[in-house]
PDB file of N, CA and C in Angstrom:
ATOM      1  N   UNK A   1     -13.903  27.274 -22.887  1.00  0.00           N
ATOM      2  CA  UNK A   1     -12.497  27.474 -23.138  1.00  0.00           C
ATOM      3  C   UNK A   1     -11.771  27.532 -21.798  1.00  0.00           C
ATOM      4  N   UNK A   2     -10.592  26.957 -21.741  1.00  0.00           N
ATOM      5  CA  UNK A   2      -9.808  26.945 -20.520  1.00  0.00           C
ATOM      6  C   UNK A   2      -8.892  28.162 -20.461  1.00  0.00           C
ATOM      7  N   UNK A   3      -8.784  28.745 -19.272  1.00  0.00           N
ATOM      8  CA  UNK A   3      -7.807  29.823 -19.099  1.00  0.00           C
ATOM      9  C   UNK A   3      -6.483  29.204 -18.670  1.00  0.00           C
ATOM     10  N   UNK A   4      -5.440  29.987 -18.700  1.00  0.00           N
ATOM     11  CA  UNK A   4      -4.118  29.474 -18.337  1.00  0.00           C
ATOM     12  C   UNK A   4      -4.059  29.027 -16.880  1.00  0.00           C
ATOM     13  N   UNK A   5      -4.961  29.516 -16.053  1.00  0.00           N
ATOM     14  CA  UNK A   5      -4.943  29.140 -14.636  1.00  0.00           C
ATOM     15  C   UNK A   5      -5.781  27.901 -14.346  1.00  0.00           C
ATOM     16  N   UNK A   6      -6.608  27.466 -15.316  1.00  0.00           N
ATOM     17  CA  UNK A   6      -7.401  26.245 -15.124  1.00  0.00           C
ATOM     18  C   UNK A   6      -6.497  25.023 -15.135  1.00  0.00           C
ATOM     19  N   UNK A   7      -6.836  24.062 -14.301  1.00  0.00           N
ATOM     20  CA  UNK A   7      -6.110  22.800 -14.306  1.00  0.00           C
ATOM     21  C   UNK A   7      -6.836  21.841 -15.226  1.00  0.00           C
ATOM     22  N   UNK A   8      -6.145  21.318 -16.191  1.00  0.00           N
ATOM     23  CA  UNK A   8      -6.725  20.364 -17.122  1.00  0.00           C
ATOM     24  C   UNK A   8      -6.186  18.990 -16.772  1.00  0.00           C
ATOM     25  N   UNK A   9      -7.093  18.045 -16.532  1.00  0.00           N
ATOM     26  CA  UNK A   9      -6.690  16.685 -16.211  1.00  0.00           C
ATOM     27  C   UNK A   9      -6.159  15.990 -17.458  1.00  0.00           C
ATOM     28  N   UNK A  10      -5.201  15.099 -17.241  1.00  0.00           N
ATOM     29  CA  UNK A  10      -4.757  14.271 -18.359  1.00  0.00           C
ATOM     30  C   UNK A  10      -5.884  13.309 -18.708  1.00  0.00           C
ATOM     31  N   UNK A  11      -5.813  12.726 -19.884  1.00  0.00           N
ATOM     32  CA  UNK A  11      -6.828  11.773 -20.306  1.00  0.00           C
ATOM     33  C   UNK A  11      -6.949  10.624 -19.316  1.00  0.00           C
ATOM     34  N   UNK A  12      -5.806  10.109 -18.850  1.00  0.00           N
ATOM     35  CA  UNK A  12      -5.823   8.982 -17.915  1.00  0.00           C
ATOM     36  C   UNK A  12      -6.483   9.378 -16.596  1.00  0.00           C
ATOM     37  N   UNK A  13      -6.242  10.578 -16.128  1.00  0.00           N
ATOM     38  CA  UNK A  13      -6.847  11.022 -14.869  1.00  0.00           C
ATOM     39  C   UNK A  13      -8.347  11.250 -15.019  1.00  0.00           C
ATOM     40  N   UNK A  14      -8.790  11.610 -16.201  1.00  0.00           N
ATOM     41  CA  UNK A  14     -10.193  11.916 -16.429  1.00  0.00           C
ATOM     42  C   UNK A  14     -11.047  10.656 -16.582  1.00  0.00           C
ATOM     43  N   UNK A  15     -10.418   9.525 -16.889  1.00  0.00           N
ATOM     44  CA  UNK A  15     -11.173   8.286 -17.070  1.00  0.00           C
ATOM     45  C   UNK A  15     -11.665   7.749 -15.737  1.00  0.00           C
ATOM     46  N   UNK A  16     -12.870   7.249 -15.742  1.00  0.00           N
ATOM     47  CA  UNK A  16     -13.449   6.610 -14.559  1.00  0.00           C
ATOM     48  C   UNK A  16     -13.968   5.249 -14.977  1.00  0.00           C
ATOM     49  N   UNK A  17     -13.549   4.206 -14.283  1.00  0.00           N
ATOM     50  CA  UNK A  17     -13.971   2.857 -14.610  1.00  0.00           C
ATOM     51  C   UNK A  17     -14.944   2.362 -13.545  1.00  0.00           C
ATOM     52  N   UNK A  18     -16.023   1.719 -13.970  1.00  0.00           N
ATOM     53  CA  UNK A  18     -16.994   1.239 -12.986  1.00  0.00           C
ATOM     54  C   UNK A  18     -16.546  -0.009 -12.236  1.00  0.00           C
ATOM     55  N   UNK A  19     -15.470  -0.665 -12.688  1.00  0.00           N
ATOM     56  CA  UNK A  19     -14.961  -1.856 -12.008  1.00  0.00           C
ATOM     57  C   UNK A  19     -13.518  -1.631 -11.610  1.00  0.00           C
ATOM     58  N   UNK A  20     -13.184  -2.041 -10.401  1.00  0.00           N
ATOM     59  CA  UNK A  20     -11.805  -1.905  -9.948  1.00  0.00           C
ATOM     60  C   UNK A  20     -10.903  -2.936 -10.593  1.00  0.00           C
ATOM     61  N   UNK A  21     -11.461  -4.115 -10.920  1.00  0.00           N
ATOM     62  CA  UNK A  21     -10.668  -5.200 -11.485  1.00  0.00           C
ATOM     63  C   UNK A  21     -11.283  -5.694 -12.777  1.00  0.00           C
ATOM     64  N   UNK A  22     -10.434  -6.192 -13.655  1.00  0.00           N
ATOM     65  CA  UNK A  22     -10.895  -6.780 -14.904  1.00  0.00           C
ATOM     66  C   UNK A  22     -11.194  -8.256 -14.678  1.00  0.00           C
ATOM     67  N   UNK A  23     -11.921  -8.891 -15.604  1.00  0.00           N
ATOM     68  CA  UNK A  23     -12.189 -10.317 -15.449  1.00  0.00           C
ATOM     69  C   UNK A  23     -10.892 -11.122 -15.518  1.00  0.00           C
ATOM     70  N   UNK A  24     -10.788 -12.129 -14.685  1.00  0.00           N
ATOM     71  CA  UNK A  24      -9.660 -13.048 -14.736  1.00  0.00           C
ATOM     72  C   UNK A  24      -9.805 -13.970 -15.931  1.00  0.00           C
ATOM     73  N   UNK A  25      -8.811 -14.832 -16.167  1.00  0.00           N
ATOM     74  CA  UNK A  25      -8.834 -15.691 -17.351  1.00  0.00           C
ATOM     75  C   UNK A  25      -9.997 -16.678 -17.398  1.00  0.00           C
ATOM     76  N   UNK A  26     -10.587 -16.968 -16.263  1.00  0.00           N
ATOM     77  CA  UNK A  26     -11.705 -17.924 -16.222  1.00  0.00           C
ATOM     78  C   UNK A  26     -13.006 -17.251 -15.804  1.00  0.00           C
ATOM     79  N   UNK A  27     -13.084 -15.935 -15.998  1.00  0.00           N
ATOM     80  CA  UNK A  27     -14.238 -15.176 -15.529  1.00  0.00           C
ATOM     81  C   UNK A  27     -14.919 -14.411 -16.659  1.00  0.00           C
ATOM     82  N   UNK A  28     -16.193 -14.150 -16.452  1.00  0.00           N
ATOM     83  CA  UNK A  28     -16.993 -13.313 -17.336  1.00  0.00           C
ATOM     84  C   UNK A  28     -17.674 -12.290 -16.445  1.00  0.00           C
ATOM     85  N   UNK A  29     -17.653 -11.034 -16.853  1.00  0.00           N
ATOM     86  CA  UNK A  29     -18.304  -9.974 -16.087  1.00  0.00           C
ATOM     87  C   UNK A  29     -19.535  -9.506 -16.855  1.00  0.00           C
ATOM     88  N   UNK A  30     -20.664  -9.455 -16.154  1.00  0.00           N
ATOM     89  CA  UNK A  30     -21.864  -8.877 -16.748  1.00  0.00           C
ATOM     90  C   UNK A  30     -21.774  -7.363 -16.569  1.00  0.00           C
ATOM     91  N   UNK A  31     -21.539  -6.653 -17.655  1.00  0.00           N
ATOM     92  CA  UNK A  31     -21.408  -5.195 -17.628  1.00  0.00           C
ATOM     93  C   UNK A  31     -22.758  -4.567 -17.322  1.00  0.00           C
ATOM     94  N   UNK A  32     -23.779  -5.108 -17.942  1.00  0.00           N
ATOM     95  CA  UNK A  32     -25.166  -4.729 -17.716  1.00  0.00           C
ATOM     96  C   UNK A  32     -25.998  -5.855 -18.335  1.00  0.00           C
ATOM     97  N   UNK A  33     -27.286  -5.927 -18.068  1.00  0.00           N
ATOM     98  CA  UNK A  33     -28.068  -7.008 -18.663  1.00  0.00           C
ATOM     99  C   UNK A  33     -27.885  -7.034 -20.188  1.00  0.00           C
ATOM    100  N   UNK A  34     -27.496  -8.191 -20.694  1.00  0.00           N
ATOM    101  CA  UNK A  34     -27.315  -8.343 -22.127  1.00  0.00           C
ATOM    102  C   UNK A  34     -25.932  -8.000 -22.646  1.00  0.00           C
ATOM    103  N   UNK A  35     -24.993  -7.664 -21.751  1.00  0.00           N
ATOM    104  CA  UNK A  35     -23.625  -7.342 -22.168  1.00  0.00           C
ATOM    105  C   UNK A  35     -22.643  -8.053 -21.243  1.00  0.00           C
ATOM    106  N   UNK A  36     -21.857  -8.961 -21.828  1.00  0.00           N
ATOM    107  CA  UNK A  36     -20.845  -9.699 -21.071  1.00  0.00           C
ATOM    108  C   UNK A  36     -19.456  -9.266 -21.529  1.00  0.00           C
ATOM    109  N   UNK A  37     -18.503  -9.257 -20.586  1.00  0.00           N
ATOM    110  CA  UNK A  37     -17.133  -8.821 -20.851  1.00  0.00           C
ATOM    111  C   UNK A  37     -16.177  -9.963 -20.539  1.00  0.00           C
ATOM    112  N   UNK A  38     -15.315 -10.266 -21.505  1.00  0.00           N
ATOM    113  CA  UNK A  38     -14.263 -11.274 -21.360  1.00  0.00           C
ATOM    114  C   UNK A  38     -12.947 -10.581 -21.685  1.00  0.00           C
ATOM    115  N   UNK A  39     -11.914 -10.958 -20.987  1.00  0.00           N
ATOM    116  CA  UNK A  39     -10.584 -10.398 -21.257  1.00  0.00           C
ATOM    117  C   UNK A  39      -9.624 -11.562 -21.479  1.00  0.00           C
ATOM    118  N   UNK A  40      -8.993 -11.599 -22.659  1.00  0.00           N
ATOM    119  CA  UNK A  40      -8.058 -12.663 -22.997  1.00  0.00           C
ATOM    120  C   UNK A  40      -6.626 -12.140 -22.994  1.00  0.00           C
ATOM    121  N   UNK A  41      -5.718 -12.982 -22.540  1.00  0.00           N
ATOM    122  CA  UNK A  41      -4.301 -12.629 -22.538  1.00  0.00           C
ATOM    123  C   UNK A  41      -3.756 -12.629 -23.960  1.00  0.00           C
ATOM    124  N   UNK A  42      -2.752 -11.781 -24.190  1.00  0.00           N
ATOM    125  CA  UNK A  42      -2.056 -11.731 -25.475  1.00  0.00           C
ATOM    126  C   UNK A  42      -0.575 -12.003 -25.260  1.00  0.00           C
ATOM    127  N   UNK A  43       0.086 -12.604 -26.258  1.00  0.00           N
ATOM    128  CA  UNK A  43       1.496 -12.960 -26.104  1.00  0.00           C
ATOM    129  C   UNK A  43       2.476 -11.857 -26.525  1.00  0.00           C
ATOM    130  N   UNK A  44       2.072 -10.601 -26.401  1.00  0.00           N
ATOM    131  CA  UNK A  44       2.979  -9.512 -26.747  1.00  0.00           C
ATOM    132  C   UNK A  44       2.721  -8.327 -25.829  1.00  0.00           C
ATOM    133  N   UNK A  45       3.395  -7.219 -26.069  1.00  0.00           N
ATOM    134  CA  UNK A  45       3.395  -6.095 -25.122  1.00  0.00           C
ATOM    135  C   UNK A  45       1.992  -5.625 -24.727  1.00  0.00           C
ATOM    136  N   UNK A  46       1.121  -5.403 -25.684  1.00  0.00           N
ATOM    137  CA  UNK A  46      -0.280  -5.144 -25.336  1.00  0.00           C
ATOM    138  C   UNK A  46      -0.790  -6.483 -24.827  1.00  0.00           C
ATOM    139  N   UNK A  47      -0.929  -6.622 -23.519  1.00  0.00           N
ATOM    140  CA  UNK A  47      -1.065  -7.960 -22.926  1.00  0.00           C
ATOM    141  C   UNK A  47      -2.478  -8.515 -22.831  1.00  0.00           C
ATOM    142  N   UNK A  48      -3.462  -7.824 -23.363  1.00  0.00           N
ATOM    143  CA  UNK A  48      -4.830  -8.347 -23.302  1.00  0.00           C
ATOM    144  C   UNK A  48      -5.694  -7.734 -24.399  1.00  0.00           C
ATOM    145  N   UNK A  49      -6.803  -8.399 -24.650  1.00  0.00           N
ATOM    146  CA  UNK A  49      -7.825  -7.874 -25.553  1.00  0.00           C
ATOM    147  C   UNK A  49      -9.171  -8.041 -24.844  1.00  0.00           C
ATOM    148  N   UNK A  50      -9.988  -7.022 -24.925  1.00  0.00           N
ATOM    149  CA  UNK A  50     -11.334  -7.078 -24.361  1.00  0.00           C
ATOM    150  C   UNK A  50     -12.295  -7.557 -25.439  1.00  0.00           C
ATOM    151  N   UNK A  51     -13.145  -8.491 -25.064  1.00  0.00           N
ATOM    152  CA  UNK A  51     -14.132  -9.050 -25.982  1.00  0.00           C
ATOM    153  C   UNK A  51     -15.485  -8.965 -25.290  1.00  0.00           C
ATOM    154  N   UNK A  52     -16.494  -8.606 -26.065  1.00  0.00           N
ATOM    155  CA  UNK A  52     -17.829  -8.437 -25.504  1.00  0.00           C
ATOM    156  C   UNK A  52     -18.804  -9.379 -26.189  1.00  0.00           C
ATOM    157  N   UNK A  53     -19.770  -9.847 -25.427  1.00  0.00           N
ATOM    158  CA  UNK A  53     -20.866 -10.656 -25.948  1.00  0.00           C
ATOM    159  C   UNK A  53     -22.145  -9.872 -25.693  1.00  0.00           C
ATOM    160  N   UNK A  54     -22.939  -9.724 -26.743  1.00  0.00           N
ATOM    161  CA  UNK A  54     -24.168  -8.940 -26.679  1.00  0.00           C
ATOM    162  C   UNK A  54     -25.366  -9.856 -26.898  1.00  0.00           C
ATOM    163  N   UNK A  55     -26.364  -9.731 -26.036  1.00  0.00           N
ATOM    164  CA  UNK A  55     -27.574 -10.538 -26.195  1.00  0.00           C
ATOM    165  C   UNK A  55     -28.114 -10.344 -27.603  1.00  0.00           C
ATOM    166  N   UNK A  56     -28.459 -11.466 -28.250  1.00  0.00           N
ATOM    167  CA  UNK A  56     -28.857 -11.438 -29.653  1.00  0.00           C
ATOM    168  C   UNK A  56     -29.952 -12.475 -29.874  1.00  0.00           C
ATOM    169  N   UNK A  57     -31.185 -12.120 -29.551  1.00  0.00           N
ATOM    170  CA  UNK A  57     -32.287 -13.061 -29.699  1.00  0.00           C
ATOM    171  C   UNK A  57     -32.099 -14.247 -28.764  1.00  0.00           C
ATOM    172  N   UNK A  58     -32.005 -15.455 -29.330  1.00  0.00           N
ATOM    173  CA  UNK A  58     -31.839 -16.671 -28.530  1.00  0.00           C
ATOM    174  C   UNK A  58     -30.374 -16.979 -28.231  1.00  0.00           C
ATOM    175  N   UNK A  59     -29.471 -16.102 -28.611  1.00  0.00           N
ATOM    176  CA  UNK A  59     -28.047 -16.354 -28.392  1.00  0.00           C
ATOM    177  C   UNK A  59     -27.298 -15.070 -28.091  1.00  0.00           C
ATOM    178  N   UNK A  60     -26.031 -15.068 -28.481  1.00  0.00           N
ATOM    179  CA  UNK A  60     -25.146 -13.941 -28.181  1.00  0.00           C
ATOM    180  C   UNK A  60     -24.302 -13.602 -29.399  1.00  0.00           C
ATOM    181  N   UNK A  61     -24.177 -12.319 -29.687  1.00  0.00           N
ATOM    182  CA  UNK A  61     -23.261 -11.844 -30.715  1.00  0.00           C
ATOM    183  C   UNK A  61     -21.923 -11.572 -30.028  1.00  0.00           C
ATOM    184  N   UNK A  62     -20.862 -12.101 -30.592  1.00  0.00           N
ATOM    185  CA  UNK A  62     -19.523 -11.878 -30.042  1.00  0.00           C
ATOM    186  C   UNK A  62     -18.877 -10.733 -30.814  1.00  0.00           C
ATOM    187  N   UNK A  63     -18.304  -9.784 -30.094  1.00  0.00           N
ATOM    188  CA  UNK A  63     -17.599  -8.672 -30.713  1.00  0.00           C
ATOM    189  C   UNK A  63     -16.106  -8.923 -30.520  1.00  0.00           C
ATOM    190  N   UNK A  64     -15.453  -9.308 -31.607  1.00  0.00           N
ATOM    191  CA  UNK A  64     -14.042  -9.682 -31.692  1.00  0.00           C
ATOM    192  C   UNK A  64     -13.829 -11.095 -31.151  1.00  0.00           C
ATOM    193  N   UNK A  65     -12.700 -11.702 -31.539  1.00  0.00           N
ATOM    194  CA  UNK A  65     -12.523 -13.130 -31.256  1.00  0.00           C
ATOM    195  C   UNK A  65     -11.281 -13.483 -30.468  1.00  0.00           C
ATOM    196  N   UNK A  66     -10.290 -12.621 -30.433  1.00  0.00           N
ATOM    197  CA  UNK A  66      -9.044 -12.940 -29.745  1.00  0.00           C
ATOM    198  C   UNK A  66      -7.962 -13.376 -30.713  1.00  0.00           C
ATOM    199  N   UNK A  67      -6.764 -13.511 -30.194  1.00  0.00           N
ATOM    200  CA  UNK A  67      -5.573 -13.856 -30.972  1.00  0.00           C
ATOM    201  C   UNK A  67      -5.604 -15.330 -31.360  1.00  0.00           C
ATOM    202  N   UNK A  68      -5.160 -15.638 -32.548  1.00  0.00           N
ATOM    203  CA  UNK A  68      -5.200 -17.001 -33.059  1.00  0.00           C
ATOM    204  C   UNK A  68      -4.031 -17.849 -32.607  1.00  0.00           C
ATOM    205  N   UNK A  69      -4.036 -18.262 -31.350  1.00  0.00           N
ATOM    206  CA  UNK A  69      -2.999 -19.176 -30.856  1.00  0.00           C
ATOM    207  C   UNK A  69      -3.633 -20.219 -29.939  1.00  0.00           C
ATOM    208  N   UNK A  70      -2.853 -21.225 -29.590  1.00  0.00           N
ATOM    209  CA  UNK A  70      -3.366 -22.318 -28.753  1.00  0.00           C
ATOM    210  C   UNK A  70      -3.789 -21.828 -27.368  1.00  0.00           C
ATOM    211  N   UNK A  71      -3.089 -20.855 -26.810  1.00  0.00           N
ATOM    212  CA  UNK A  71      -3.450 -20.328 -25.491  1.00  0.00           C
ATOM    213  C   UNK A  71      -4.837 -19.680 -25.513  1.00  0.00           C
ATOM    214  N   UNK A  72      -5.131 -18.944 -26.566  1.00  0.00           N
ATOM    215  CA  UNK A  72      -6.461 -18.319 -26.673  1.00  0.00           C
ATOM    216  C   UNK A  72      -7.553 -19.361 -26.903  1.00  0.00           C
ATOM    217  N   UNK A  73      -7.252 -20.380 -27.703  1.00  0.00           N
ATOM    218  CA  UNK A  73      -8.222 -21.463 -27.909  1.00  0.00           C
ATOM    219  C   UNK A  73      -8.492 -22.169 -26.585  1.00  0.00           C
ATOM    220  N   UNK A  74      -7.443 -22.423 -25.808  1.00  0.00           N
ATOM    221  CA  UNK A  74      -7.618 -23.067 -24.501  1.00  0.00           C
ATOM    222  C   UNK A  74      -8.440 -22.175 -23.567  1.00  0.00           C
ATOM    223  N   UNK A  75      -8.199 -20.868 -23.606  1.00  0.00           N
ATOM    224  CA  UNK A  75      -8.965 -19.944 -22.758  1.00  0.00           C
ATOM    225  C   UNK A  75     -10.443 -19.953 -23.139  1.00  0.00           C
ATOM    226  N   UNK A  76     -10.734 -19.875 -24.449  1.00  0.00           N
ATOM    227  CA  UNK A  76     -12.128 -19.913 -24.896  1.00  0.00           C
ATOM    228  C   UNK A  76     -12.773 -21.245 -24.550  1.00  0.00           C
ATOM    229  N   UNK A  77     -12.044 -22.332 -24.744  1.00  0.00           N
ATOM    230  CA  UNK A  77     -12.603 -23.651 -24.441  1.00  0.00           C
ATOM    231  C   UNK A  77     -12.988 -23.733 -22.967  1.00  0.00           C
ATOM    232  N   UNK A  78     -12.113 -23.247 -22.083  1.00  0.00           N
ATOM    233  CA  UNK A  78     -12.417 -23.248 -20.648  1.00  0.00           C
ATOM    234  C   UNK A  78     -13.634 -22.373 -20.345  1.00  0.00           C
ATOM    235  N   UNK A  79     -13.739 -21.225 -20.993  1.00  0.00           N
ATOM    236  CA  UNK A  79     -14.893 -20.343 -20.768  1.00  0.00           C
ATOM    237  C   UNK A  79     -16.178 -20.978 -21.287  1.00  0.00           C
ATOM    238  N   UNK A  80     -16.125 -21.598 -22.473  1.00  0.00           N
ATOM    239  CA  UNK A  80     -17.323 -22.217 -23.047  1.00  0.00           C
ATOM    240  C   UNK A  80     -17.726 -23.492 -22.318  1.00  0.00           C
ATOM    241  N   UNK A  81     -16.813 -24.078 -21.580  1.00  0.00           N
ATOM    242  CA  UNK A  81     -17.150 -25.250 -20.761  1.00  0.00           C
ATOM    243  C   UNK A  81     -17.458 -24.857 -19.319  1.00  0.00           C
ATOM    244  N   UNK A  82     -17.195 -23.609 -18.968  1.00  0.00           N
ATOM    245  CA  UNK A  82     -17.426 -23.104 -17.616  1.00  0.00           C
ATOM    246  C   UNK A  82     -18.496 -22.038 -17.601  1.00  0.00           C
ATOM    247  N   UNK A  83     -18.099 -20.769 -17.328  1.00  0.00           N
ATOM    248  CA  UNK A  83     -19.104 -19.715 -17.146  1.00  0.00           C
ATOM    249  C   UNK A  83     -19.927 -19.383 -18.393  1.00  0.00           C
ATOM    250  N   UNK A  84     -19.453 -19.768 -19.575  1.00  0.00           N
ATOM    251  CA  UNK A  84     -20.217 -19.504 -20.798  1.00  0.00           C
ATOM    252  C   UNK A  84     -20.854 -20.773 -21.372  1.00  0.00           C
ATOM    253  N   UNK A  85     -21.006 -21.790 -20.532  1.00  0.00           N
ATOM    254  CA  UNK A  85     -21.572 -23.067 -21.009  1.00  0.00           C
ATOM    255  C   UNK A  85     -22.979 -22.882 -21.571  1.00  0.00           C
ATOM    256  N   UNK A  86     -23.710 -21.900 -21.088  1.00  0.00           N
ATOM    257  CA  UNK A  86     -25.083 -21.649 -21.540  1.00  0.00           C
ATOM    258  C   UNK A  86     -25.152 -20.792 -22.802  1.00  0.00           C
ATOM    259  N   UNK A  87     -24.000 -20.323 -23.284  1.00  0.00           N
ATOM    260  CA  UNK A  87     -23.964 -19.344 -24.365  1.00  0.00           C
ATOM    261  C   UNK A  87     -23.866 -20.014 -25.731  1.00  0.00           C
ATOM    262  N   UNK A  88     -24.738 -19.580 -26.639  1.00  0.00           N
ATOM    263  CA  UNK A  88     -24.642 -19.975 -28.046  1.00  0.00           C
ATOM    264  C   UNK A  88     -24.305 -18.705 -28.824  1.00  0.00           C
ATOM    265  N   UNK A  89     -23.189 -18.739 -29.526  1.00  0.00           N
ATOM    266  CA  UNK A  89     -22.790 -17.584 -30.327  1.00  0.00           C
ATOM    267  C   UNK A  89     -23.594 -17.620 -31.631  1.00  0.00           C
ATOM    268  N   UNK A  90     -24.343 -16.546 -31.892  1.00  0.00           N
ATOM    269  CA  UNK A  90     -25.210 -16.484 -33.069  1.00  0.00           C
ATOM    270  C   UNK A  90     -24.574 -15.721 -34.222  1.00  0.00           C
ATOM    271  N   UNK A  91     -23.571 -14.915 -33.913  1.00  0.00           N
ATOM    272  CA  UNK A  91     -22.845 -14.176 -34.950  1.00  0.00           C
ATOM    273  C   UNK A  91     -21.551 -13.639 -34.347  1.00  0.00           C
ATOM    274  N   UNK A  92     -20.580 -13.385 -35.204  1.00  0.00           N
ATOM    275  CA  UNK A  92     -19.316 -12.791 -34.785  1.00  0.00           C
ATOM    276  C   UNK A  92     -19.135 -11.482 -35.532  1.00  0.00           C
ATOM    277  N   UNK A  93     -18.906 -10.433 -34.780  1.00  0.00           N
ATOM    278  CA  UNK A  93     -18.636  -9.110 -35.352  1.00  0.00           C
ATOM    279  C   UNK A  93     -17.177  -8.800 -35.066  1.00  0.00           C
ATOM    280  N   UNK A  94     -16.395  -8.541 -36.109  1.00  0.00           N
ATOM    281  CA  UNK A  94     -14.990  -8.196 -35.938  1.00  0.00           C
ATOM    282  C   UNK A  94     -14.849  -6.697 -36.197  1.00  0.00           C
ATOM    283  N   UNK A  95     -14.317  -5.979 -35.216  1.00  0.00           N
ATOM    284  CA  UNK A  95     -14.249  -4.521 -35.321  1.00  0.00           C
ATOM    285  C   UNK A  95     -13.173  -4.034 -36.273  1.00  0.00           C
ATOM    286  N   UNK A  96     -12.063  -4.776 -36.360  1.00  0.00           N
ATOM    287  CA  UNK A  96     -10.989  -4.399 -37.286  1.00  0.00           C
ATOM    288  C   UNK A  96     -10.040  -5.582 -37.458  1.00  0.00           C
ATOM    289  N   UNK A  97      -9.096  -5.450 -38.359  1.00  0.00           N
ATOM    290  CA  UNK A  97      -8.310  -6.609 -38.787  1.00  0.00           C
ATOM    291  C   UNK A  97      -7.008  -6.833 -38.016  1.00  0.00           C
ATOM    292  N   UNK A  98      -6.859  -6.272 -36.844  1.00  0.00           N
ATOM    293  CA  UNK A  98      -5.682  -6.598 -36.035  1.00  0.00           C
ATOM    294  C   UNK A  98      -5.791  -8.049 -35.569  1.00  0.00           C
ATOM    295  N   UNK A  99      -4.669  -8.761 -35.467  1.00  0.00           N
ATOM    296  CA  UNK A  99      -4.716 -10.195 -35.161  1.00  0.00           C
ATOM    297  C   UNK A  99      -5.340 -10.538 -33.815  1.00  0.00           C
ATOM    298  N   UNK A 100      -5.337  -9.624 -32.855  1.00  0.00           N
ATOM    299  CA  UNK A 100      -5.968  -9.918 -31.565  1.00  0.00           C
ATOM    300  C   UNK A 100      -7.490  -9.761 -31.613  1.00  0.00           C
ATOM    301  N   UNK A 101      -8.002  -9.203 -32.682  1.00  0.00           N
ATOM    302  CA  UNK A 101      -9.448  -9.030 -32.829  1.00  0.00           C
ATOM    303  C   UNK A 101     -10.054 -10.023 -33.825  1.00  0.00           C
ATOM    304  N   UNK A 102      -9.293 -10.406 -34.828  1.00  0.00           N
ATOM    305  CA  UNK A 102      -9.809 -11.279 -35.887  1.00  0.00           C
ATOM    306  C   UNK A 102      -9.166 -12.664 -35.877  1.00  0.00           C
ATOM    307  N   UNK A 103      -8.134 -12.873 -35.078  1.00  0.00           N
ATOM    308  CA  UNK A 103      -7.321 -14.088 -35.132  1.00  0.00           C
ATOM    309  C   UNK A 103      -8.060 -15.401 -35.006  1.00  0.00           C
ATOM    310  N   UNK A 104      -9.076 -15.465 -34.164  1.00  0.00           N
ATOM    311  CA  UNK A 104      -9.819 -16.713 -33.973  1.00  0.00           C
ATOM    312  C   UNK A 104     -11.185 -16.692 -34.654  1.00  0.00           C
ATOM    313  N   UNK A 105     -11.366 -15.794 -35.596  1.00  0.00           N
ATOM    314  CA  UNK A 105     -12.672 -15.692 -36.268  1.00  0.00           C
ATOM    315  C   UNK A 105     -13.074 -17.018 -36.905  1.00  0.00           C
ATOM    316  N   UNK A 106     -12.185 -17.646 -37.629  1.00  0.00           N
ATOM    317  CA  UNK A 106     -12.513 -18.916 -38.277  1.00  0.00           C
ATOM    318  C   UNK A 106     -12.873 -19.988 -37.273  1.00  0.00           C
ATOM    319  N   UNK A 107     -12.148 -20.039 -36.170  1.00  0.00           N
ATOM    320  CA  UNK A 107     -12.395 -21.034 -35.124  1.00  0.00           C
ATOM    321  C   UNK A 107     -13.774 -20.831 -34.495  1.00  0.00           C
ATOM    322  N   UNK A 108     -14.121 -19.583 -34.191  1.00  0.00           N
ATOM    323  CA  UNK A 108     -15.427 -19.269 -33.583  1.00  0.00           C
ATOM    324  C   UNK A 108     -16.556 -19.588 -34.572  1.00  0.00           C
ATOM    325  N   UNK A 109     -16.412 -19.149 -35.814  1.00  0.00           N
ATOM    326  CA  UNK A 109     -17.445 -19.374 -36.832  1.00  0.00           C
ATOM    327  C   UNK A 109     -17.659 -20.873 -37.039  1.00  0.00           C
ATOM    328  N   UNK A 110     -16.579 -21.638 -37.086  1.00  0.00           N
ATOM    329  CA  UNK A 110     -16.703 -23.087 -37.266  1.00  0.00           C
ATOM    330  C   UNK A 110     -17.320 -23.756 -36.039  1.00  0.00           C
ATOM    331  N   UNK A 111     -16.870 -23.356 -34.859  1.00  0.00           N
ATOM    332  CA  UNK A 111     -17.372 -23.982 -33.633  1.00  0.00           C
ATOM    333  C   UNK A 111     -18.875 -23.774 -33.454  1.00  0.00           C
ATOM    334  N   UNK A 112     -19.349 -22.557 -33.768  1.00  0.00           N
ATOM    335  CA  UNK A 112     -20.755 -22.227 -33.515  1.00  0.00           C
ATOM    336  C   UNK A 112     -21.611 -22.195 -34.787  1.00  0.00           C
ATOM    337  N   UNK A 113     -20.982 -22.460 -35.930  1.00  0.00           N
ATOM    338  CA  UNK A 113     -21.699 -22.430 -37.194  1.00  0.00           C
ATOM    339  C   UNK A 113     -22.495 -21.126 -37.312  1.00  0.00           C
ATOM    340  N   UNK A 114     -21.793 -20.019 -37.089  1.00  0.00           N
ATOM    341  CA  UNK A 114     -22.443 -18.693 -37.105  1.00  0.00           C
ATOM    342  C   UNK A 114     -21.807 -17.835 -38.197  1.00  0.00           C
ATOM    343  N   UNK A 115     -22.517 -16.795 -38.618  1.00  0.00           N
ATOM    344  CA  UNK A 115     -21.944 -15.910 -39.621  1.00  0.00           C
ATOM    345  C   UNK A 115     -20.926 -14.947 -39.016  1.00  0.00           C
ATOM    346  N   UNK A 116     -20.016 -14.523 -39.890  1.00  0.00           N
ATOM    347  CA  UNK A 116     -19.024 -13.490 -39.538  1.00  0.00           C
ATOM    348  C   UNK A 116     -19.507 -12.190 -40.115  1.00  0.00           C
TER     349      UNK A 116
END
């Protein structure tokens, strides 16, 4: 229990991030072996969505898909032709139904012929 004289940090001050910078639009960050981090731009106030790829047998499970617009499709296409050229998506896991998480689910499932 905190006393009135204890200093309590705000939530933002208490957070510690292991990376100073997030991945750029053409970059993938290996968080740890078997976990990749991608950050896609969004066309509204919340300006990005974090997407993770998890090692899954002979491929990768994608957690969330990004917003369903041409800019996000172009970003994924560049990533799949660049730093993710070796990646085969074996399944897509969508965490919730917000458009920045589920928007490209159909596109990903069709492109990789994987289950949702």
